[in-house]
Structures are given as structure tokens and as C-alpha cells.
Amino acid sequence: MKVLLIPCGIGMGHTSRSVALAQKLEEMGDEVLFASYGSGYQTLNEYSDYKVEELPTIKFYGSSGELNFKHTARKSIDAPYIFLKSIYHESRIIKEFNPDVVVSDSHYSVPITCRVLGIPCILVSNDLAPELKEEHHKDITLEYLENGLQRFIRDVSRLCHSIIIPDIENSYPVPSQIKNRVNFTGPILKMDPKSMESKKELRKRFGFGSSEKIVMATVGGSQFGNKLLSLLHQAAPDLDCDQLILVTGPQVKLDLASSPGIICKRFLGDIMEWMKLSDFLVSLAGHTTSMEIASLGIPSLMVPIENHPEQMKNATKMERYGIAQVEKMGTLTSQGLSERINSLLKDQDLQKNAASVRNIFSQYKGTEDAASIIRNSVNNGKLLE
């Protein structure tokens, strides 16, 4: 079977999920091809052996640590042209590769392209009703854009053979019109937490001491985590830990150098192993990172991108589970960050809750189940109306 995977190229979470699926599908004997743009294309092109086709770039704008939807809308006057251009490129790639099924991770032109070409399409998405504004902010422009976006995603989703939500059961509301094709599979991860080496074994393999206190920070692939990384680098001397590991993404341009007690990495293909060997994690609040944190049971401090409702929703959910605490990016200082991390490193309740959440998430086989849904879509290839 031939599978074309097209992840949204903003950040690295969508690409990470798609790579996890590709690995599982290849284990089952299938052939895969990728197409993406932005961070997704760069990550696949530079840090994987997969062949990847480049699609037209979609951008989001804002300052370091803050997303600005209004400015993005103003700068995206050519969005309809980019959308049509993307459909054209997708069509060319599909005709050349001739896949049996196309998997789109939150890239919403793909279901339209597939319907026109008569190819089964599977949509992977952790948010079928995205929000552009926080509840306490009433903005008519954003409300108009939000309503239009939600209608569009709902209508496009109806073109898909199946929809995969890579989270635990009923973790997100599902529009009634598409409930019949939605599957909550659990997290789609590149590594199975249940089969990974122990924390002690990982530390020995990577050269860390068993008693070292290790704090890790990861900010994904966009520039919105620059502020958090810079503040952590400044806060490092005041942290009650032996090692601080800072992981950036391919498109993050910061001059952060490793030094005694600070390890800087641009990209980690085995990031889940590094997360598991750590005692505490600091991160933005992307969905894939949230699922890794929950599945591994790592106590965390989450700092959502400012004005990013989806990240705030993810962080709030992790806080509700009791596995993470949340800080606001806009008011963050290096001193406040070090004090908060030092306090949470001693928080026994956070550690107990993290273990409980890990047990809940361990009941799912998200990557395996999602791969099965993809393969079954070909066997049951009738398109739904």
C-alpha cells in the first residue's frame, strides 16, 4: 500500500505525529511519501531519511512568545491564492505518487484535493473547532474569522473517510455532523512509552549520573519559543538542578551555547528518551508535546504562546490533570521562572499526579490504532457522503 502523508508545516508537532505513523506503516510493509512546508518540510528534509515534497508556505505572525491573529490576517491577503496553489501542488504530487490513501494532519486543503481526485483521505486533528480569541476578549473581527474557520473545517472534515483525534476519549468536543467518522485513538507517538528503556538505563546510555537533577526545555519548531529559551538560559545559574537541557527547533535562530551545566540541542529525533530521563520539563503547550508529557508522566511547567487559545486549552487540560502548572509568557521573567521551577521540583503532589496520568494514557495504543484506521480506509475505500 502507498500512503502520502501531508502534515501542517507550522511548528513540529504535526510532523512528529506523521513520522510516527510513517514508521508504523513501514513496519507493516507500506510505502510512504511526505509533503509539507515551513518547519515541517525543513525538519523532514534535514533530519530524516524520508523523501519530502515542498508545498507553498503558510505563515503566522507575531512577536517572540506572542501570536497575533489580526496581523496574520492582514498579512495573509493572498491566502486564497496560496490555498489554490497548495491544491495544485497536492494534485501534482498525488498524480505522480499514485497513493492508495492520503493522510492530512491539520492541512485542510488536502481533503478537497482528495475528493476531486477520488482518493480516500484521513484527517488527523486535535482541534476540530479552533478558537482565535480567548473567552474574556470580545473582538468582532476575530469572532467573524473564528466562525468562518470553524464552518470551513467542519465542512472540509465531512469530505474525509475517517477523522483521527490523537487524544484520549472525549477529550475534545466533536461537531455532530462528523461524529460518525471520528476516532479517539490516544496519542500518536514516535516511541511506545511502555517499551522504552527505564530512566536509569537511559541516563546510563546518554552519560548522565543516576542521581543528577535534570531539567529539560523544549519549544518546538517556531520562533514563538525564543523568549522562553532566552529566559531559561539566563535563569540557569539559579536553578536547583545539575543539568539544563535546551532543545530548539530548525527555524529557531538563537545564539545559545552549551556550557557546564547547560546542554543546547537544535533537534532531537529521540526527544522522548531525553524527556523520560529528565526530572522536570519546561515547554510551550503544543498538543504533541502535551501528549508526550502525559504519556511519559513528566512533571512540567507549561508556558503557552501568548494569544494562542489552542495552546492555552492544552495547558489548562494538563493543569487539570495535575501533571503541569501554567505560567503566562507575557509576564515571565528569568527570576520568576527560576523560582517557579525550583518550587515545582520539590512538589510531591505533581510527581504523584504525573504517575497517575501516565497510567491512564498507557491504556491507549494510539499509533498502532491510527495506522490500522488508515489501512482499513483502503480496504473499505467507499467515500462517505
Protein backbone atom coordinates (compact mmCIF):
# COMPACT_ATOMS: atom_id res chain seq x y z
CA MET A 1 0.00 0.00 0.00
CA LYS A 2 1.21 3.54 -0.79
CA VAL A 3 0.50 6.34 1.71
CA LEU A 4 1.04 10.07 1.19
CA LEU A 5 1.38 12.00 4.47
CA ILE A 6 0.83 15.77 4.43
CA PRO A 7 1.35 17.37 7.87
CA CYS A 8 0.76 21.05 8.60
CA GLY A 9 4.22 22.62 8.50
CA ILE A 10 3.75 25.12 11.33
CA GLY A 11 5.73 24.01 14.38
CA MET A 12 6.91 20.41 14.67
CA GLY A 13 4.07 18.56 16.42
CA HIS A 14 2.11 17.70 13.26
CA THR A 15 5.27 16.43 11.58
CA SER A 16 6.20 14.36 14.65
CA ARG A 17 2.82 12.62 14.58
CA SER A 18 3.12 11.96 10.85
CA VAL A 19 6.60 10.47 11.25
CA ALA A 20 5.26 8.18 13.98
CA LEU A 21 2.56 6.98 11.59
CA ALA A 22 5.07 6.58 8.75
CA GLN A 23 7.30 4.40 10.92
CA LYS A 24 4.38 2.18 11.91
CA LEU A 25 3.10 1.93 8.33
CA GLU A 26 6.57 0.99 7.07
CA GLU A 27 6.72 -1.74 9.73
CA MET A 28 3.52 -3.09 8.16
CA GLY A 29 5.17 -3.12 4.71
CA ASP A 30 3.70 0.09 3.28
CA GLU A 31 5.46 2.73 1.16
CA VAL A 32 5.26 6.36 2.35
CA LEU A 33 5.92 9.81 0.92
CA PHE A 34 5.75 13.19 2.66
CA ALA A 35 4.73 16.67 1.53
CA SER A 36 4.89 19.73 3.77
CA TYR A 37 6.23 23.28 4.16
CA GLY A 38 7.87 25.55 6.76
CA SER A 39 9.27 23.82 9.86
CA GLY A 40 7.66 20.55 8.81
CA TYR A 41 9.44 20.49 5.45
CA GLN A 42 12.75 21.63 6.96
CA THR A 43 12.62 19.00 9.72
CA LEU A 44 11.83 16.17 7.31
CA ASN A 45 14.37 17.36 4.74
CA GLU A 46 17.27 17.85 7.18
CA TYR A 47 16.63 15.34 9.95
CA SER A 48 15.00 12.30 8.34
CA ASP A 49 15.64 9.86 5.52
CA TYR A 50 12.13 10.32 4.16
CA LYS A 51 11.56 11.81 0.74
CA VAL A 52 9.55 15.02 1.12
CA GLU A 53 7.93 17.30 -1.45
CA GLU A 54 7.67 21.02 -0.66
CA LEU A 55 4.30 22.81 -0.59
CA PRO A 56 3.55 26.57 -0.61
CA THR A 57 4.29 28.15 2.77
CA ILE A 58 1.62 29.34 5.20
CA LYS A 59 2.82 31.76 7.88
CA PHE A 60 1.65 33.03 11.26
CA TYR A 61 2.92 36.37 12.58
CA GLY A 62 3.68 37.82 15.99
CA SER A 63 6.49 38.84 18.31
CA SER A 64 8.63 36.41 20.31
CA GLY A 65 6.30 34.44 22.54
CA GLU A 66 3.11 36.04 21.18
CA LEU A 67 0.88 35.14 18.26
CA ASN A 68 -1.06 37.95 16.55
CA PHE A 69 -4.07 36.64 14.60
CA LYS A 70 -5.15 40.11 13.42
CA HIS A 71 -1.72 40.88 12.00
CA THR A 72 -1.63 37.40 10.45
CA ALA A 73 -4.99 38.05 8.78
CA ARG A 74 -3.79 41.41 7.43
CA LYS A 75 -0.57 39.86 6.09
CA SER A 76 -2.48 36.94 4.54
CA ILE A 77 -4.38 38.82 1.87
CA ASP A 78 -3.02 36.28 -0.64
CA ALA A 79 -4.34 33.32 1.41
CA PRO A 80 -6.90 32.26 -1.26
CA TYR A 81 -4.10 32.20 -3.85
CA ILE A 82 -1.85 30.15 -1.51
CA PHE A 83 -4.75 27.78 -0.83
CA LEU A 84 -5.38 27.17 -4.54
CA LYS A 85 -1.65 26.92 -5.20
CA SER A 86 -1.40 24.27 -2.48
CA ILE A 87 -4.25 22.27 -4.05
CA TYR A 88 -2.43 22.44 -7.40
CA HIS A 89 0.82 21.12 -5.86
CA GLU A 90 -1.02 18.44 -3.88
CA SER A 91 -2.76 17.28 -7.07
CA ARG A 92 0.54 17.01 -8.93
CA ILE A 93 2.15 15.01 -6.11
CA ILE A 94 -0.85 12.67 -5.82
CA LYS A 95 -0.91 12.02 -9.58
CA GLU A 96 2.84 11.30 -9.64
CA PHE A 97 2.94 9.12 -6.49
CA ASN A 98 -0.48 7.50 -7.03
CA PRO A 99 -1.16 6.74 -3.33
CA ASP A 100 -3.90 4.43 -2.08
CA VAL A 101 -4.71 6.91 0.71
CA VAL A 102 -3.65 10.40 1.79
CA VAL A 103 -3.24 11.36 5.45
CA SER A 104 -3.57 15.06 6.25
CA ASP A 105 -2.53 16.29 9.68
CA SER A 106 -4.39 19.60 10.06
CA HIS A 107 -3.67 20.73 6.47
CA TYR A 108 -7.19 21.47 5.34
CA SER A 109 -6.81 21.88 1.59
CA VAL A 110 -5.95 18.17 1.31
CA PRO A 111 -9.48 16.73 1.79
CA ILE A 112 -10.72 18.93 -1.07
CA THR A 113 -7.89 17.79 -3.35
CA CYS A 114 -8.56 14.15 -2.49
CA ARG A 115 -12.30 14.41 -3.09
CA VAL A 116 -11.70 15.91 -6.55
CA LEU A 117 -9.24 13.11 -7.40
CA GLY A 118 -11.31 10.34 -5.79
CA ILE A 119 -8.62 9.32 -3.28
CA PRO A 120 -9.55 8.32 0.31
CA CYS A 121 -8.39 10.97 2.81
CA ILE A 122 -7.79 10.53 6.53
CA LEU A 123 -7.70 13.69 8.65
CA VAL A 124 -5.63 13.82 11.83
CA SER A 125 -6.58 16.76 14.07
CA ASN A 126 -6.62 17.57 17.77
CA ASP A 127 -8.98 20.53 17.35
CA LEU A 128 -11.97 20.41 15.02
CA ALA A 129 -13.40 23.67 16.40
CA PRO A 130 -10.38 26.03 16.70
CA GLU A 131 -10.66 29.34 18.51
CA LEU A 132 -8.88 32.56 17.57
CA LYS A 133 -9.76 34.55 20.67
CA GLU A 134 -9.66 33.96 24.39
CA GLU A 135 -13.10 33.85 26.05
CA HIS A 136 -12.69 37.10 28.00
CA HIS A 137 -11.66 39.03 24.87
CA LYS A 138 -14.57 40.18 22.74
CA ASP A 139 -13.30 41.12 19.30
CA ILE A 140 -15.78 41.27 16.41
CA THR A 141 -13.12 40.78 13.72
CA LEU A 142 -11.65 37.68 15.38
CA GLU A 143 -15.12 36.34 16.13
CA TYR A 144 -16.01 36.64 12.44
CA LEU A 145 -12.79 34.90 11.40
CA GLU A 146 -13.27 32.21 14.03
CA ASN A 147 -16.84 31.39 12.98
CA GLY A 148 -15.78 31.19 9.33
CA LEU A 149 -12.80 28.96 10.13
CA GLN A 150 -14.90 26.59 12.23
CA ARG A 151 -17.52 26.28 9.48
CA PHE A 152 -14.82 25.64 6.91
CA ILE A 153 -13.12 22.91 8.96
CA ARG A 154 -16.46 21.28 9.73
CA ASP A 155 -17.38 21.19 6.03
CA VAL A 156 -13.94 20.01 4.90
CA SER A 157 -13.93 17.28 7.57
CA ARG A 158 -17.08 15.82 6.03
CA LEU A 159 -15.06 15.05 2.90
CA CYS A 160 -12.79 12.68 4.83
CA HIS A 161 -13.15 8.92 5.05
CA SER A 162 -12.14 8.98 8.74
CA ILE A 163 -11.02 11.55 11.31
CA ILE A 164 -8.43 10.67 13.92
CA ILE A 165 -8.19 12.66 17.15
CA PRO A 166 -4.85 11.70 18.75
CA ASP A 167 -6.03 12.08 22.33
CA ILE A 168 -7.98 10.14 24.95
CA GLU A 169 -11.71 9.51 24.60
CA ASN A 170 -13.99 12.59 24.58
CA SER A 171 -11.10 14.99 25.24
CA TYR A 172 -12.46 17.43 22.64
CA PRO A 173 -15.97 18.36 21.50
CA VAL A 174 -16.92 16.96 18.10
CA PRO A 175 -19.44 18.66 15.79
CA SER A 176 -22.50 16.43 15.41
CA GLN A 177 -22.23 16.45 11.60
CA ILE A 178 -18.97 14.46 11.65
CA LYS A 179 -19.30 12.29 14.79
CA ASN A 180 -19.88 9.17 12.69
CA ARG A 181 -16.33 9.26 11.33
CA VAL A 182 -14.36 10.41 14.38
CA ASN A 183 -11.98 8.08 16.25
CA PHE A 184 -10.24 8.95 19.54
CA THR A 185 -7.13 6.78 19.24
CA GLY A 186 -5.00 8.14 22.06
CA PRO A 187 -1.64 9.87 21.43
CA ILE A 188 0.27 9.23 18.22
CA LEU A 189 3.88 8.97 19.39
CA LYS A 190 7.19 8.05 17.75
CA MET A 191 8.05 5.78 20.69
CA ASP A 192 5.89 3.49 22.80
CA PRO A 193 6.38 4.59 26.44
CA LYS A 194 5.67 1.05 27.66
CA SER A 195 8.56 -0.44 25.66
CA MET A 196 11.13 2.30 26.28
CA GLU A 197 14.16 1.76 28.50
CA SER A 198 13.91 2.79 32.13
CA LYS A 199 15.00 6.24 33.30
CA LYS A 200 18.09 4.69 34.90
CA GLU A 201 19.04 2.83 31.71
CA LEU A 202 18.54 5.93 29.55
CA ARG A 203 20.72 8.04 31.82
CA LYS A 204 23.48 5.46 31.68
CA ARG A 205 23.31 5.30 27.86
CA PHE A 206 23.38 9.10 27.46
CA GLY A 207 26.13 9.60 30.03
CA PHE A 208 24.17 11.18 32.91
CA GLY A 209 24.51 10.23 36.56
CA SER A 210 21.62 8.37 38.20
CA SER A 211 21.36 10.98 40.99
CA GLU A 212 21.68 14.10 38.80
CA LYS A 213 18.76 16.53 38.85
CA ILE A 214 17.89 17.22 35.21
CA VAL A 215 15.55 19.92 33.83
CA MET A 216 14.70 19.91 30.13
CA ALA A 217 13.07 22.60 27.99
CA THR A 218 11.62 22.14 24.50
CA VAL A 219 9.87 24.76 22.36
CA GLY A 220 9.06 23.04 19.06
CA GLY A 221 9.85 24.45 15.66
CA SER A 222 8.57 28.03 15.58
CA GLN A 223 10.11 31.32 16.69
CA PHE A 224 7.44 31.80 19.35
CA GLY A 225 9.51 29.93 21.94
CA ASN A 226 12.54 32.24 21.63
CA LYS A 227 11.62 34.27 24.70
CA LEU A 228 11.19 31.20 26.88
CA LEU A 229 14.55 29.75 25.80
CA SER A 230 16.35 33.05 26.40
CA LEU A 231 14.86 33.44 29.87
CA LEU A 232 15.76 29.87 30.79
CA HIS A 233 19.33 30.40 29.63
CA GLN A 234 19.52 33.48 31.87
CA ALA A 235 17.89 31.62 34.76
CA ALA A 236 20.22 28.61 34.55
CA PRO A 237 22.66 29.68 37.33
CA ASP A 238 19.76 29.97 39.81
CA LEU A 239 18.11 26.63 39.03
CA ASP A 240 18.39 23.84 41.61
CA CYS A 241 19.49 21.27 39.04
CA ASP A 242 22.70 19.70 37.78
CA GLN A 243 21.85 19.85 34.07
CA LEU A 244 19.62 22.10 31.98
CA ILE A 245 18.84 20.74 28.50
CA LEU A 246 17.53 23.31 25.98
CA VAL A 247 16.03 21.96 22.74
CA THR A 248 15.23 24.39 19.93
CA GLY A 249 13.73 23.72 16.51
CA PRO A 250 15.11 24.04 12.96
CA GLN A 251 13.69 27.53 12.43
CA VAL A 252 14.66 28.91 15.86
CA LYS A 253 17.56 31.35 15.44
CA LEU A 254 19.09 31.93 18.87
CA ASP A 255 22.74 32.09 19.81
CA LEU A 256 22.60 29.74 22.79
CA ALA A 257 25.85 27.96 23.55
CA SER A 258 26.37 24.86 25.67
CA SER A 259 28.42 25.36 28.82
CA PRO A 260 29.00 23.45 32.08
CA GLY A 261 25.52 22.52 33.30
CA ILE A 262 23.77 23.66 30.08
CA ILE A 263 23.27 21.40 27.06
CA CYS A 264 21.85 23.03 23.89
CA LYS A 265 20.41 20.88 21.11
CA ARG A 266 18.91 22.08 17.81
CA PHE A 267 16.92 18.95 17.14
CA LEU A 268 16.41 15.56 18.84
CA GLY A 269 14.90 12.72 16.85
CA ASP A 270 14.84 10.69 20.08
CA ILE A 271 13.36 13.51 22.13
CA MET A 272 11.04 11.21 24.10
CA GLU A 273 14.07 9.41 25.54
CA TRP A 274 15.57 12.73 26.64
CA MET A 275 12.24 13.70 28.18
CA LYS A 276 12.00 10.42 30.08
CA LEU A 277 15.48 10.72 31.59
CA SER A 278 14.63 14.22 32.86
CA ASP A 279 13.11 15.05 36.27
CA PHE A 280 11.16 18.07 35.07
CA LEU A 281 10.10 19.60 31.77
CA VAL A 282 9.51 23.20 30.69
CA SER A 283 7.70 23.67 27.39
CA LEU A 284 5.24 25.59 25.30
CA ALA A 285 1.85 23.90 25.07
CA GLY A 286 1.64 22.26 21.68
CA HIS A 287 -0.63 19.22 21.56
CA THR A 288 2.02 16.65 20.66
CA THR A 289 4.30 17.84 23.47
CA SER A 290 1.35 17.69 25.88
CA MET A 291 0.64 14.10 24.84
CA GLU A 292 4.31 13.14 25.29
CA ILE A 293 4.33 14.69 28.76
CA ALA A 294 1.15 12.88 29.78
CA SER A 295 2.19 9.53 28.29
CA LEU A 296 5.62 9.62 29.95
CA GLY A 297 4.34 11.10 33.22
CA ILE A 298 6.83 14.01 33.46
CA PRO A 299 6.02 16.83 35.94
CA SER A 300 6.03 20.06 33.94
CA LEU A 301 5.75 23.81 33.70
CA MET A 302 3.86 24.83 30.56
CA VAL A 303 4.14 28.32 29.07
CA PRO A 304 1.59 28.71 26.24
CA ILE A 305 2.27 31.09 23.38
CA GLU A 306 0.54 34.37 24.22
CA ASN A 307 -2.80 34.90 22.43
CA HIS A 308 -2.84 31.28 21.27
CA PRO A 309 -6.15 29.78 22.51
CA GLU A 310 -5.33 26.24 21.40
CA GLN A 311 -2.10 26.21 23.42
CA MET A 312 -3.90 27.71 26.42
CA LYS A 313 -6.52 24.96 26.09
CA ASN A 314 -3.81 22.28 26.02
CA ALA A 315 -2.00 23.76 29.02
CA THR A 316 -5.21 24.13 31.03
CA LYS A 317 -6.04 20.48 30.38
CA MET A 318 -2.59 19.36 31.58
CA GLU A 319 -3.03 21.53 34.66
CA ARG A 320 -6.44 19.97 35.27
CA TYR A 321 -4.86 16.52 35.10
CA GLY A 322 -2.48 17.70 37.83
CA ILE A 323 0.65 16.92 35.81
CA ALA A 324 1.62 20.54 35.00
CA GLN A 325 1.48 24.10 36.23
CA VAL A 326 0.96 27.02 33.84
CA GLU A 327 2.76 30.36 33.51
CA LYS A 328 1.90 33.30 31.24
CA MET A 329 4.52 34.13 28.64
CA GLY A 330 3.78 37.88 28.73
CA THR A 331 4.71 38.41 32.39
CA LEU A 332 7.57 35.91 32.57
CA THR A 333 10.98 36.96 33.96
CA SER A 334 14.14 34.91 34.43
CA GLN A 335 13.94 35.32 38.22
CA GLY A 336 10.27 34.36 38.36
CA LEU A 337 10.97 31.38 36.12
CA SER A 338 13.81 30.04 38.27
CA GLU A 339 11.77 30.46 41.47
CA ARG A 340 8.77 28.65 39.96
CA ILE A 341 10.83 25.76 38.62
CA ASN A 342 12.72 25.34 41.90
CA SER A 343 9.43 25.21 43.79
CA LEU A 344 7.87 22.68 41.41
CA LEU A 345 10.95 20.44 41.55
CA LYS A 346 10.02 19.80 45.19
CA ASP A 347 6.29 19.36 44.57
CA GLN A 348 5.41 15.79 45.60
CA ASP A 349 1.77 16.11 44.51
CA LEU A 350 2.86 16.98 40.98
CA GLN A 351 5.02 13.85 40.85
CA LYS A 352 2.22 11.60 42.17
CA ASN A 353 -0.29 13.04 39.70
CA ALA A 354 2.17 12.57 36.85
CA ALA A 355 2.39 8.84 37.63
CA SER A 356 -1.41 8.54 37.74
CA VAL A 357 -1.84 10.32 34.40
CA ARG A 358 0.81 8.07 32.84
CA ASN A 359 -1.24 5.03 33.88
CA ILE A 360 -4.39 6.45 32.24
CA PHE A 361 -2.63 7.19 28.94
CA SER A 362 -0.84 3.82 28.92
CA GLN A 363 -4.19 2.14 28.16
CA TYR A 364 -4.08 3.52 24.60
CA LYS A 365 -2.19 2.27 21.53
CA GLY A 366 -2.64 5.45 19.51
CA THR A 367 -0.02 4.99 16.80
CA GLU A 368 -0.95 1.38 16.14
CA ASP A 369 -4.70 2.06 16.11
CA ALA A 370 -4.32 5.11 13.86
CA ALA A 371 -2.24 3.09 11.37
CA SER A 372 -4.95 0.42 11.33
CA ILE A 373 -7.62 3.03 10.57
CA ILE A 374 -5.52 4.34 7.66
CA ARG A 375 -5.04 0.86 6.21
CA ASN A 376 -8.71 -0.07 6.66
CA SER A 377 -9.75 3.04 4.76
CA VAL A 378 -8.27 1.46 1.64
CA ASN A 379 -9.90 -1.91 2.24
CA ASN A 380 -13.24 -0.18 2.90
CA GLY A 381 -12.49 2.51 0.33
CA LYS A 382 -16.07 3.72 -0.24
CA LEU A 383 -16.17 7.50 0.23
CA LEU A 384 -18.67 8.77 2.79
CA GLU A 385 -21.19 11.41 1.81
